[in-house]
N, C-alpha and C. Protein backbone atom coordinates (compact mmCIF):
# COMPACT_ATOMS: atom_id res chain seq x y z
N MET A 1 -27.65 64.15 95.75
CA MET A 1 -27.60 65.10 96.72
C MET A 1 -28.99 64.70 97.39
N ALA A 2 -29.04 64.71 98.85
CA ALA A 2 -30.18 64.39 99.43
C ALA A 2 -31.20 65.86 99.54
N ALA A 3 -32.39 65.27 99.56
CA ALA A 3 -33.55 66.47 99.32
C ALA A 3 -33.31 67.40 100.66
N CYS A 4 -32.83 67.11 101.72
CA CYS A 4 -32.53 67.70 103.03
C CYS A 4 -31.33 68.34 103.36
N SER A 5 -30.58 68.34 102.26
CA SER A 5 -29.20 68.75 102.31
C SER A 5 -29.37 70.32 102.59
N LYS A 6 -28.07 70.81 103.27
CA LYS A 6 -27.97 72.24 103.64
C LYS A 6 -27.91 72.95 102.50
N SER A 7 -27.63 72.81 101.28
CA SER A 7 -27.87 73.71 100.19
C SER A 7 -29.40 73.94 99.86
N ASN A 8 -30.01 72.82 99.83
CA ASN A 8 -31.43 72.75 99.52
C ASN A 8 -32.36 73.73 100.57
N ILE A 9 -31.95 73.45 101.84
CA ILE A 9 -32.59 74.25 102.69
C ILE A 9 -32.29 75.68 102.81
N GLU A 10 -31.03 76.04 102.49
CA GLU A 10 -30.75 77.51 102.31
C GLU A 10 -31.50 77.91 101.17
N THR A 11 -31.64 77.34 100.03
CA THR A 11 -32.32 77.55 98.84
C THR A 11 -33.69 78.04 99.01
N GLU A 12 -34.52 77.02 100.04
CA GLU A 12 -35.63 77.08 100.28
C GLU A 12 -36.06 78.17 101.18
N GLN A 13 -35.02 78.69 101.92
CA GLN A 13 -35.09 79.68 102.70
C GLN A 13 -34.94 81.12 101.93
N VAL A 14 -34.30 81.20 101.00
CA VAL A 14 -34.16 82.42 100.18
C VAL A 14 -35.41 82.55 99.46
N ASN A 15 -35.94 81.29 98.91
CA ASN A 15 -37.20 81.52 98.05
C ASN A 15 -38.30 81.92 98.82
N ALA A 16 -38.24 81.64 100.17
CA ALA A 16 -39.22 81.87 100.93
C ALA A 16 -39.15 83.27 101.29
N GLU A 17 -37.77 84.01 101.50
CA GLU A 17 -37.82 85.53 101.51
C GLU A 17 -38.04 86.29 100.43
N ILE A 18 -37.77 85.63 99.08
CA ILE A 18 -38.18 86.37 97.83
C ILE A 18 -39.76 86.44 97.85
N SER A 19 -40.29 85.39 98.08
CA SER A 19 -41.69 85.60 97.80
C SER A 19 -42.57 86.34 98.85
N LYS A 20 -41.97 86.71 100.01
CA LYS A 20 -42.58 87.67 100.97
C LYS A 20 -42.94 89.31 100.31
N PRO A 21 -44.31 89.82 100.44
CA PRO A 21 -44.37 90.92 99.79
C PRO A 21 -43.47 92.01 100.43
N LEU A 22 -43.12 92.85 99.32
CA LEU A 22 -42.33 93.98 99.74
C LEU A 22 -43.15 95.11 100.51
N GLU A 23 -42.53 95.83 101.42
CA GLU A 23 -43.16 96.89 102.21
C GLU A 23 -43.23 98.20 101.06
N LYS A 24 -44.10 98.86 101.08
CA LYS A 24 -43.86 100.14 100.19
C LYS A 24 -43.12 101.13 100.89
N ALA A 25 -42.08 101.76 100.10
CA ALA A 25 -41.03 102.59 100.92
C ALA A 25 -42.09 103.99 101.01
N ASP A 26 -41.84 104.68 101.82
CA ASP A 26 -42.59 106.08 101.99
C ASP A 26 -41.53 107.05 101.30
N THR A 27 -42.10 107.52 100.39
CA THR A 27 -41.48 108.74 99.62
C THR A 27 -41.89 110.09 99.46
N SER A 28 -43.03 110.24 100.58
CA SER A 28 -43.31 111.44 100.68
C SER A 28 -42.41 112.59 100.84
N SER A 29 -41.37 112.16 101.43
CA SER A 29 -40.41 113.32 101.75
C SER A 29 -39.20 113.50 100.93
N ALA A 30 -39.22 112.40 99.96
CA ALA A 30 -38.19 112.26 99.20
C ALA A 30 -37.79 113.42 98.07
N LYS A 31 -36.80 113.95 98.00
CA LYS A 31 -36.68 114.77 96.66
C LYS A 31 -36.06 114.24 95.57
N THR A 32 -36.54 114.96 94.41
CA THR A 32 -36.23 114.38 93.07
C THR A 32 -35.19 115.47 92.43
N SER A 33 -34.33 114.89 91.78
CA SER A 33 -33.43 115.77 90.96
C SER A 33 -33.73 116.05 89.62
N LYS A 34 -33.82 117.12 89.07
CA LYS A 34 -34.38 117.44 87.62
C LYS A 34 -33.22 117.14 86.57
N ASN A 35 -32.06 116.96 87.07
CA ASN A 35 -30.80 116.53 86.53
C ASN A 35 -30.40 115.32 86.27
N VAL A 36 -31.20 114.25 86.75
CA VAL A 36 -31.06 112.88 86.57
C VAL A 36 -31.03 112.41 85.08
N LYS A 37 -29.88 111.87 84.75
CA LYS A 37 -29.61 111.08 83.55
C LYS A 37 -30.11 109.70 83.43
N THR A 38 -31.10 109.53 82.68
CA THR A 38 -31.21 107.93 82.66
C THR A 38 -30.93 107.36 81.25
N LYS A 39 -30.26 106.28 81.21
CA LYS A 39 -29.67 105.76 80.06
C LYS A 39 -30.85 104.91 79.37
N THR A 40 -31.14 105.35 78.29
CA THR A 40 -32.14 104.71 77.33
C THR A 40 -31.52 103.68 76.37
N ALA A 41 -32.41 102.69 76.20
CA ALA A 41 -31.90 101.82 74.98
C ALA A 41 -31.72 102.47 73.91
N LYS A 42 -30.64 102.24 73.11
CA LYS A 42 -30.48 103.04 71.65
C LYS A 42 -31.42 102.00 70.74
N LYS A 43 -31.99 103.10 70.08
CA LYS A 43 -33.20 102.59 69.00
C LYS A 43 -32.48 102.16 67.85
N GLU A 44 -33.09 101.20 67.45
CA GLU A 44 -32.54 100.32 65.95
C GLU A 44 -32.40 101.33 65.18
N ILE A 45 -31.10 101.34 64.30
CA ILE A 45 -30.74 102.34 63.38
C ILE A 45 -31.32 101.62 61.90
N ASP A 46 -31.80 102.41 61.23
CA ASP A 46 -32.26 101.93 59.64
C ASP A 46 -30.76 101.89 58.88
N TRP A 47 -30.46 100.95 58.53
CA TRP A 47 -29.31 100.90 57.51
C TRP A 47 -29.50 100.79 56.19
N THR A 48 -30.76 101.15 55.69
CA THR A 48 -31.06 101.45 54.26
C THR A 48 -31.18 102.89 54.27
N LYS A 49 -31.07 103.61 55.28
CA LYS A 49 -31.40 105.08 55.01
C LYS A 49 -30.24 105.98 55.51
N PRO A 50 -30.12 107.28 54.93
CA PRO A 50 -28.87 107.99 55.26
C PRO A 50 -29.01 108.49 56.77
N SER A 51 -28.09 108.58 57.58
CA SER A 51 -27.88 108.50 58.95
C SER A 51 -28.16 109.87 59.46
N ASP A 52 -28.24 110.91 58.79
CA ASP A 52 -28.57 112.18 59.18
C ASP A 52 -28.96 113.26 58.02
N GLY A 53 -29.88 112.60 57.30
CA GLY A 53 -30.69 113.36 56.18
C GLY A 53 -29.92 113.67 55.10
N LYS A 54 -29.82 114.89 54.55
CA LYS A 54 -29.47 115.33 52.97
C LYS A 54 -27.91 115.30 53.40
N TYR A 55 -27.14 114.86 52.51
CA TYR A 55 -25.67 114.74 52.55
C TYR A 55 -25.29 116.24 52.22
N PRO A 56 -24.09 116.87 52.83
CA PRO A 56 -23.37 117.98 52.48
C PRO A 56 -22.96 117.88 50.86
N ASP A 57 -22.72 119.29 50.50
CA ASP A 57 -21.93 119.19 49.14
C ASP A 57 -20.42 119.61 49.85
N ILE A 58 -19.49 118.92 49.38
CA ILE A 58 -18.19 119.03 49.91
C ILE A 58 -17.30 119.12 48.63
N LYS A 59 -17.83 119.51 47.44
CA LYS A 59 -16.90 119.53 46.58
C LYS A 59 -16.01 120.85 46.26
N ASN A 60 -14.87 120.74 46.02
CA ASN A 60 -13.81 121.66 46.16
C ASN A 60 -13.53 122.14 47.54
N ASN A 61 -13.64 121.45 48.55
CA ASN A 61 -13.58 121.74 49.88
C ASN A 61 -12.20 120.97 50.34
N ASP A 62 -11.23 121.58 50.62
CA ASP A 62 -9.88 120.94 51.07
C ASP A 62 -9.88 120.67 52.52
N SER A 63 -10.88 121.42 53.41
CA SER A 63 -10.49 121.21 54.65
C SER A 63 -11.38 120.24 55.21
N ILE A 64 -12.17 119.40 54.59
CA ILE A 64 -12.86 118.26 54.94
C ILE A 64 -12.04 116.95 55.50
N TYR A 65 -12.60 116.43 56.78
CA TYR A 65 -11.97 115.26 57.30
C TYR A 65 -13.11 114.55 58.01
N ILE A 66 -12.50 113.20 58.26
CA ILE A 66 -13.57 112.25 58.98
C ILE A 66 -13.10 112.05 60.26
N ASP A 67 -13.83 112.35 61.17
CA ASP A 67 -13.32 112.11 62.68
C ASP A 67 -14.44 110.72 63.08
N VAL A 68 -13.91 109.81 63.77
CA VAL A 68 -14.53 108.54 64.03
C VAL A 68 -14.34 108.41 65.40
N SER A 69 -15.49 108.42 66.16
CA SER A 69 -15.42 108.25 67.64
C SER A 69 -16.05 106.66 67.87
N THR A 70 -15.12 105.73 68.30
CA THR A 70 -15.57 104.54 68.49
C THR A 70 -16.39 104.40 70.02
N LYS A 71 -16.19 105.33 70.71
CA LYS A 71 -17.01 105.67 71.98
C LYS A 71 -18.50 105.88 71.69
N ASN A 72 -18.69 106.85 70.86
CA ASN A 72 -20.09 107.32 70.23
C ASN A 72 -20.56 106.43 69.26
N GLN A 73 -19.70 105.56 68.62
CA GLN A 73 -20.17 104.83 67.46
C GLN A 73 -20.70 105.61 66.35
N GLU A 74 -20.01 106.84 66.07
CA GLU A 74 -20.31 107.78 65.16
C GLU A 74 -19.20 108.12 64.35
N ALA A 75 -19.36 108.66 63.03
CA ALA A 75 -18.48 109.30 62.16
C ALA A 75 -18.81 110.65 61.93
N TYR A 76 -17.96 111.62 62.15
CA TYR A 76 -18.29 113.09 61.95
C TYR A 76 -17.59 113.56 60.56
N ILE A 77 -18.36 113.78 59.65
CA ILE A 77 -17.59 114.57 58.59
C ILE A 77 -17.44 116.12 58.84
N LYS A 78 -16.21 116.55 58.82
CA LYS A 78 -16.08 117.86 59.39
C LYS A 78 -15.55 118.78 58.48
N ASP A 79 -15.88 119.93 58.44
CA ASP A 79 -14.98 120.95 57.75
C ASP A 79 -14.45 121.93 58.71
N GLY A 80 -13.02 121.66 59.03
CA GLY A 80 -12.35 122.25 59.83
C GLY A 80 -12.83 121.66 61.15
N SER A 81 -13.33 122.65 62.20
CA SER A 81 -13.83 122.09 63.28
C SER A 81 -15.26 121.96 63.37
N LYS A 82 -16.10 122.35 62.27
CA LYS A 82 -17.33 122.18 62.53
C LYS A 82 -17.82 120.98 61.70
N THR A 83 -18.69 120.01 62.56
CA THR A 83 -19.36 118.87 61.89
C THR A 83 -20.49 119.16 61.16
N ILE A 84 -20.42 118.70 59.92
CA ILE A 84 -21.42 119.03 58.98
C ILE A 84 -22.28 117.90 58.47
N TYR A 85 -21.89 116.65 59.11
CA TYR A 85 -22.95 115.46 58.95
C TYR A 85 -22.42 114.40 60.00
N THR A 86 -23.38 113.65 60.55
CA THR A 86 -22.93 112.57 61.62
C THR A 86 -23.47 111.28 60.87
N MET A 87 -22.91 110.17 61.06
CA MET A 87 -23.18 108.96 60.52
C MET A 87 -23.04 108.07 61.62
N ASN A 88 -24.19 107.08 61.45
CA ASN A 88 -23.86 105.99 62.65
C ASN A 88 -22.93 105.03 62.08
N ILE A 89 -22.06 104.21 63.07
CA ILE A 89 -21.14 103.38 62.41
C ILE A 89 -21.13 102.03 63.34
N SER A 90 -20.39 101.11 63.13
CA SER A 90 -20.21 99.87 63.89
C SER A 90 -18.76 99.52 63.83
N SER A 91 -17.83 99.84 64.73
CA SER A 91 -16.10 99.72 64.84
C SER A 91 -16.14 98.43 65.17
N GLY A 92 -14.76 98.01 65.39
CA GLY A 92 -14.44 96.55 65.88
C GLY A 92 -14.94 96.37 67.32
N LEU A 93 -15.03 95.06 67.41
CA LEU A 93 -15.40 94.48 68.81
C LEU A 93 -14.53 94.98 69.77
N ASP A 94 -13.38 94.97 69.45
CA ASP A 94 -12.24 95.37 70.59
C ASP A 94 -12.17 94.17 71.62
N GLN A 95 -12.28 93.06 71.17
CA GLN A 95 -12.44 91.92 72.07
C GLN A 95 -10.76 91.29 72.06
N THR A 96 -10.22 91.30 70.87
CA THR A 96 -8.81 90.84 70.60
C THR A 96 -8.07 92.07 69.73
N GLU A 97 -6.89 91.75 69.50
CA GLU A 97 -6.01 92.61 68.47
C GLU A 97 -6.59 92.60 66.93
N ASP A 98 -7.03 91.04 66.70
CA ASP A 98 -7.75 90.96 65.34
C ASP A 98 -8.92 91.37 65.03
N ASP A 99 -9.69 92.03 66.09
CA ASP A 99 -11.14 92.70 65.89
C ASP A 99 -11.18 94.07 66.47
N SER A 100 -9.95 94.70 66.33
CA SER A 100 -10.08 95.95 66.82
C SER A 100 -10.03 96.96 65.68
N THR A 101 -10.51 98.30 65.87
CA THR A 101 -10.39 99.48 65.14
C THR A 101 -9.15 100.09 65.46
N PRO A 102 -8.03 100.13 64.66
CA PRO A 102 -6.96 100.92 65.02
C PRO A 102 -7.35 102.51 65.44
N LYS A 103 -6.53 102.83 66.55
CA LYS A 103 -6.97 104.30 66.75
C LYS A 103 -5.45 105.09 66.21
N GLY A 104 -5.87 106.32 65.86
CA GLY A 104 -4.87 107.23 65.22
C GLY A 104 -5.37 108.11 64.14
N THR A 105 -4.25 108.69 63.38
CA THR A 105 -4.62 109.50 62.38
C THR A 105 -4.20 108.84 61.03
N TYR A 106 -5.02 108.82 60.21
CA TYR A 106 -4.70 107.95 58.68
C TYR A 106 -5.19 108.80 57.79
N TYR A 107 -4.90 108.24 56.33
CA TYR A 107 -5.42 109.22 55.42
C TYR A 107 -6.20 108.27 54.26
N VAL A 108 -7.06 108.38 53.66
CA VAL A 108 -7.84 107.76 52.79
C VAL A 108 -6.78 107.23 51.59
N GLU A 109 -6.85 105.89 51.38
CA GLU A 109 -5.94 105.44 50.42
C GLU A 109 -6.31 105.21 48.95
N PRO A 110 -5.93 104.78 48.22
CA PRO A 110 -6.41 104.98 46.80
C PRO A 110 -7.33 103.79 46.60
N GLU A 111 -7.31 102.71 47.52
CA GLU A 111 -7.96 101.50 46.84
C GLU A 111 -9.56 101.71 47.50
N ARG A 112 -10.30 101.42 46.84
CA ARG A 112 -11.93 101.54 46.74
C ARG A 112 -12.59 100.78 45.90
N GLY A 113 -13.81 100.30 46.22
CA GLY A 113 -14.52 99.60 45.08
C GLY A 113 -16.01 99.60 45.41
N GLU A 114 -16.93 98.74 44.74
CA GLU A 114 -18.29 98.70 44.80
C GLU A 114 -18.59 97.35 45.63
N TRP A 115 -17.71 96.44 45.57
CA TRP A 115 -18.10 95.12 46.25
C TRP A 115 -16.77 94.41 46.63
N PHE A 116 -16.68 93.75 47.83
CA PHE A 116 -15.87 92.83 48.14
C PHE A 116 -16.56 91.59 48.93
N PHE A 117 -15.89 90.64 48.84
CA PHE A 117 -16.29 89.25 49.89
C PHE A 117 -14.97 88.80 50.39
N SER A 118 -15.36 88.69 51.72
CA SER A 118 -13.90 88.00 52.65
C SER A 118 -14.18 86.54 52.96
N PRO A 119 -13.59 85.37 52.21
CA PRO A 119 -13.99 84.27 52.47
C PRO A 119 -13.54 83.71 53.88
N LYS A 120 -12.68 84.26 54.56
CA LYS A 120 -12.14 84.33 55.79
C LYS A 120 -13.03 84.44 56.82
N TYR A 121 -14.00 85.58 56.41
CA TYR A 121 -15.20 85.97 57.65
C TYR A 121 -16.50 85.75 56.95
N GLN A 122 -16.82 85.02 55.68
CA GLN A 122 -17.88 84.82 55.07
C GLN A 122 -18.82 86.02 55.08
N GLU A 123 -18.16 87.33 54.84
CA GLU A 123 -18.78 88.49 54.73
C GLU A 123 -18.47 89.26 53.51
N GLY A 124 -19.33 90.02 53.03
CA GLY A 124 -18.80 91.00 52.11
C GLY A 124 -19.63 92.39 52.22
N ALA A 125 -19.16 93.53 51.65
CA ALA A 125 -19.90 94.59 51.90
C ALA A 125 -19.70 95.49 50.48
N GLU A 126 -20.77 96.45 50.42
CA GLU A 126 -20.74 97.29 49.31
C GLU A 126 -19.91 98.71 49.63
N TYR A 127 -19.58 99.25 48.52
CA TYR A 127 -18.94 100.56 48.76
C TYR A 127 -17.76 100.77 49.88
N TRP A 128 -16.94 100.32 49.61
CA TRP A 128 -15.54 100.35 50.51
C TRP A 128 -14.57 101.18 49.96
N VAL A 129 -13.85 101.80 51.15
CA VAL A 129 -12.94 102.59 50.84
C VAL A 129 -11.92 102.55 52.02
N SER A 130 -10.53 102.18 51.57
CA SER A 130 -9.64 102.01 52.25
C SER A 130 -8.95 103.05 53.02
N TRP A 131 -8.57 102.85 54.49
CA TRP A 131 -7.96 103.99 55.21
C TRP A 131 -6.55 103.59 55.74
N LYS A 132 -6.42 102.29 55.94
CA LYS A 132 -5.08 101.85 56.66
C LYS A 132 -4.90 100.45 55.89
N ASN A 133 -3.50 100.32 55.42
CA ASN A 133 -2.77 99.13 55.19
C ASN A 133 -3.48 98.50 53.98
N HIS A 134 -3.70 99.54 52.91
CA HIS A 134 -4.09 99.32 51.52
C HIS A 134 -5.18 98.13 51.20
N GLY A 135 -6.37 98.26 52.00
CA GLY A 135 -7.19 97.32 51.70
C GLY A 135 -7.39 96.43 52.88
N GLU A 136 -6.71 96.53 54.05
CA GLU A 136 -7.03 95.79 55.13
C GLU A 136 -8.34 96.46 56.15
N PHE A 137 -8.07 97.89 56.31
CA PHE A 137 -9.10 98.49 57.16
C PHE A 137 -9.82 99.64 56.46
N LEU A 138 -11.17 99.38 56.30
CA LEU A 138 -12.16 100.18 55.15
C LEU A 138 -13.05 100.52 55.88
N PHE A 139 -13.87 101.60 55.49
CA PHE A 139 -15.30 102.16 55.54
C PHE A 139 -15.97 101.34 54.47
N HIS A 140 -17.08 100.55 54.97
CA HIS A 140 -17.75 99.76 53.89
C HIS A 140 -19.24 99.78 54.63
N SER A 141 -19.98 99.22 53.65
CA SER A 141 -21.48 98.92 54.24
C SER A 141 -21.73 98.17 55.22
N VAL A 142 -22.82 97.79 55.81
CA VAL A 142 -23.24 96.85 56.64
C VAL A 142 -22.88 95.49 55.83
N PRO A 143 -22.66 94.28 56.47
CA PRO A 143 -22.41 93.19 55.74
C PRO A 143 -23.34 92.54 55.07
N PHE A 144 -22.73 91.80 54.02
CA PHE A 144 -23.59 90.86 52.85
C PHE A 144 -23.28 89.59 52.69
N THR A 145 -23.80 88.70 52.52
CA THR A 145 -23.44 87.38 52.31
C THR A 145 -22.80 87.16 50.85
N LYS A 146 -22.23 86.25 50.41
CA LYS A 146 -21.47 85.96 49.14
C LYS A 146 -22.41 86.26 47.86
N ASP A 147 -23.78 86.03 48.14
CA ASP A 147 -24.59 86.01 47.07
C ASP A 147 -25.33 87.50 46.99
N LYS A 148 -24.73 88.45 47.82
CA LYS A 148 -24.96 89.96 47.96
C LYS A 148 -26.59 90.43 48.48
N LYS A 149 -26.67 89.48 49.44
CA LYS A 149 -27.83 90.05 50.38
C LYS A 149 -27.28 90.27 51.83
N VAL A 150 -28.18 91.14 52.26
CA VAL A 150 -27.67 92.03 53.69
C VAL A 150 -27.80 90.81 54.70
N ILE A 151 -26.89 90.67 55.44
CA ILE A 151 -26.95 90.03 56.82
C ILE A 151 -27.64 90.87 57.76
N GLU A 152 -28.97 90.55 57.83
CA GLU A 152 -29.67 91.50 58.85
C GLU A 152 -29.36 91.57 60.25
N LYS A 153 -29.06 90.39 60.61
CA LYS A 153 -28.84 90.09 62.01
C LYS A 153 -27.43 91.03 62.54
N GLU A 154 -26.33 91.02 61.21
CA GLU A 154 -25.23 92.19 61.76
C GLU A 154 -25.77 93.58 61.38
N ALA A 155 -26.55 93.75 60.44
CA ALA A 155 -26.97 95.19 59.96
C ALA A 155 -27.60 95.74 61.07
N LYS A 156 -28.50 95.09 61.93
CA LYS A 156 -29.15 95.53 63.19
C LYS A 156 -28.28 96.21 64.00
N LYS A 157 -26.87 95.52 64.15
CA LYS A 157 -25.97 96.16 65.12
C LYS A 157 -25.43 97.38 64.93
N LEU A 158 -25.92 98.13 63.90
CA LEU A 158 -25.20 99.27 63.46
C LEU A 158 -25.36 100.28 64.65
N GLY A 159 -24.57 101.13 64.89
CA GLY A 159 -24.58 102.03 66.22
C GLY A 159 -24.10 101.08 67.49
N LYS A 160 -23.57 99.81 67.19
CA LYS A 160 -22.83 99.20 68.45
C LYS A 160 -21.72 98.50 67.71
N LYS A 161 -20.45 98.47 68.72
CA LYS A 161 -19.27 97.56 68.25
C LYS A 161 -19.80 96.40 67.78
N ALA A 162 -19.40 95.95 66.57
CA ALA A 162 -19.57 94.85 66.02
C ALA A 162 -18.75 94.16 64.76
N SER A 163 -17.76 94.89 64.37
CA SER A 163 -17.05 94.59 63.06
C SER A 163 -15.76 93.97 63.61
N HIS A 164 -14.88 93.45 62.44
CA HIS A 164 -13.54 92.71 62.60
C HIS A 164 -12.61 93.98 62.68
N GLY A 165 -12.96 95.34 62.64
CA GLY A 165 -11.86 96.29 62.92
C GLY A 165 -12.27 97.41 61.66
N CYS A 166 -13.14 97.28 60.71
CA CYS A 166 -13.52 98.11 59.81
C CYS A 166 -14.37 99.08 60.41
N ILE A 167 -14.90 100.02 59.59
CA ILE A 167 -15.89 101.03 59.69
C ILE A 167 -17.18 100.66 59.12
N ARG A 168 -18.07 99.95 59.74
CA ARG A 168 -19.50 99.64 58.97
C ARG A 168 -20.40 101.09 59.06
N LEU A 169 -20.98 100.87 57.93
CA LEU A 169 -21.83 102.12 57.71
C LEU A 169 -23.16 101.69 57.18
N ALA A 170 -24.21 102.45 57.15
CA ALA A 170 -25.64 102.29 56.38
C ALA A 170 -25.29 102.40 55.09
N VAL A 171 -25.86 101.51 54.23
CA VAL A 171 -25.39 101.54 52.95
C VAL A 171 -25.42 102.81 52.29
N PRO A 172 -26.40 103.79 52.22
CA PRO A 172 -26.32 105.05 51.64
C PRO A 172 -25.17 105.90 52.17
N ASP A 173 -24.78 105.79 53.39
CA ASP A 173 -23.64 106.39 53.87
C ASP A 173 -22.25 105.88 53.34
N ALA A 174 -22.21 104.49 53.34
CA ALA A 174 -21.00 103.99 52.50
C ALA A 174 -20.87 104.30 51.21
N LYS A 175 -21.97 104.73 50.42
CA LYS A 175 -21.99 104.95 48.98
C LYS A 175 -21.65 106.38 48.78
N TRP A 176 -22.11 107.12 49.92
CA TRP A 176 -21.74 108.49 49.74
C TRP A 176 -20.05 108.49 50.01
N ILE A 177 -19.59 108.01 50.99
CA ILE A 177 -18.14 108.26 51.27
C ILE A 177 -17.36 107.58 49.94
N TYR A 178 -17.80 106.79 49.51
CA TYR A 178 -17.31 105.95 48.24
C TYR A 178 -17.30 107.06 47.12
N GLU A 179 -18.33 107.61 47.00
CA GLU A 179 -18.38 108.64 45.85
C GLU A 179 -17.74 110.13 45.96
N ASN A 180 -17.58 110.54 47.26
CA ASN A 180 -17.57 111.99 47.74
C ASN A 180 -16.09 112.12 48.38
N ILE A 181 -15.68 111.25 49.15
CA ILE A 181 -14.28 111.44 49.80
C ILE A 181 -13.17 110.85 49.25
N PRO A 182 -12.50 112.19 48.96
CA PRO A 182 -11.09 111.59 47.93
C PRO A 182 -10.09 111.22 48.54
N GLU A 183 -9.00 110.62 47.77
CA GLU A 183 -8.06 110.03 48.39
C GLU A 183 -7.08 110.99 49.18
N LYS A 184 -6.70 110.48 50.04
CA LYS A 184 -5.83 111.77 51.07
C LYS A 184 -6.25 112.39 52.09
N THR A 185 -7.81 112.22 52.03
CA THR A 185 -8.60 112.96 53.24
C THR A 185 -8.21 112.20 54.35
N LYS A 186 -7.98 113.03 55.30
CA LYS A 186 -7.57 112.74 56.55
C LYS A 186 -8.75 111.89 57.59
N VAL A 187 -8.22 110.96 58.09
CA VAL A 187 -9.36 109.94 58.88
C VAL A 187 -8.66 109.90 60.54
N VAL A 188 -9.30 110.52 61.25
CA VAL A 188 -8.86 110.54 62.79
C VAL A 188 -10.02 109.40 63.47
N ILE A 189 -9.22 108.49 64.13
CA ILE A 189 -9.90 107.49 65.14
C ILE A 189 -9.68 107.56 66.38
N SER A 190 -10.61 107.71 67.15
CA SER A 190 -10.37 107.78 68.50
C SER A 190 -11.40 106.93 69.19
């Protein structure tokens, strides 16, 4: 393309406009609103610590269920209508049917364990509890390698959509669910 082509000239004109100094706007009579919400960047979540401090004692409590908000990327441990603990999560990416977290009401299934590894995804996790399709959809820790090392790049995504459909949790949160949430506990995912 010749140096004096139309697109080069237009580009030079645009660049000249961009390099001009901006005039300062007169804001002396502008009104500001105190109710303006600004969206701040989400702080990186520490996947090595519990999400919400001390865990609740839920022994002998039949009204406990887990309410998962894929919009907020949080799981709420509920006692009836009262939220008693909030956990940071990563749900499915929701880019395809294969990486989406199913929405609906489910119940914790009998399958659970301290470790798994998926050759298909080359990821594993600690402290898993099944809630759909008997081992297909799980609550589990942030991802680990085959040799049980945290995949930090993935762990740092906690609080954002990142999984293949499971609900990822901080390691202590996953362990707490594994040790405390009984089979048949209701799980609501929206």
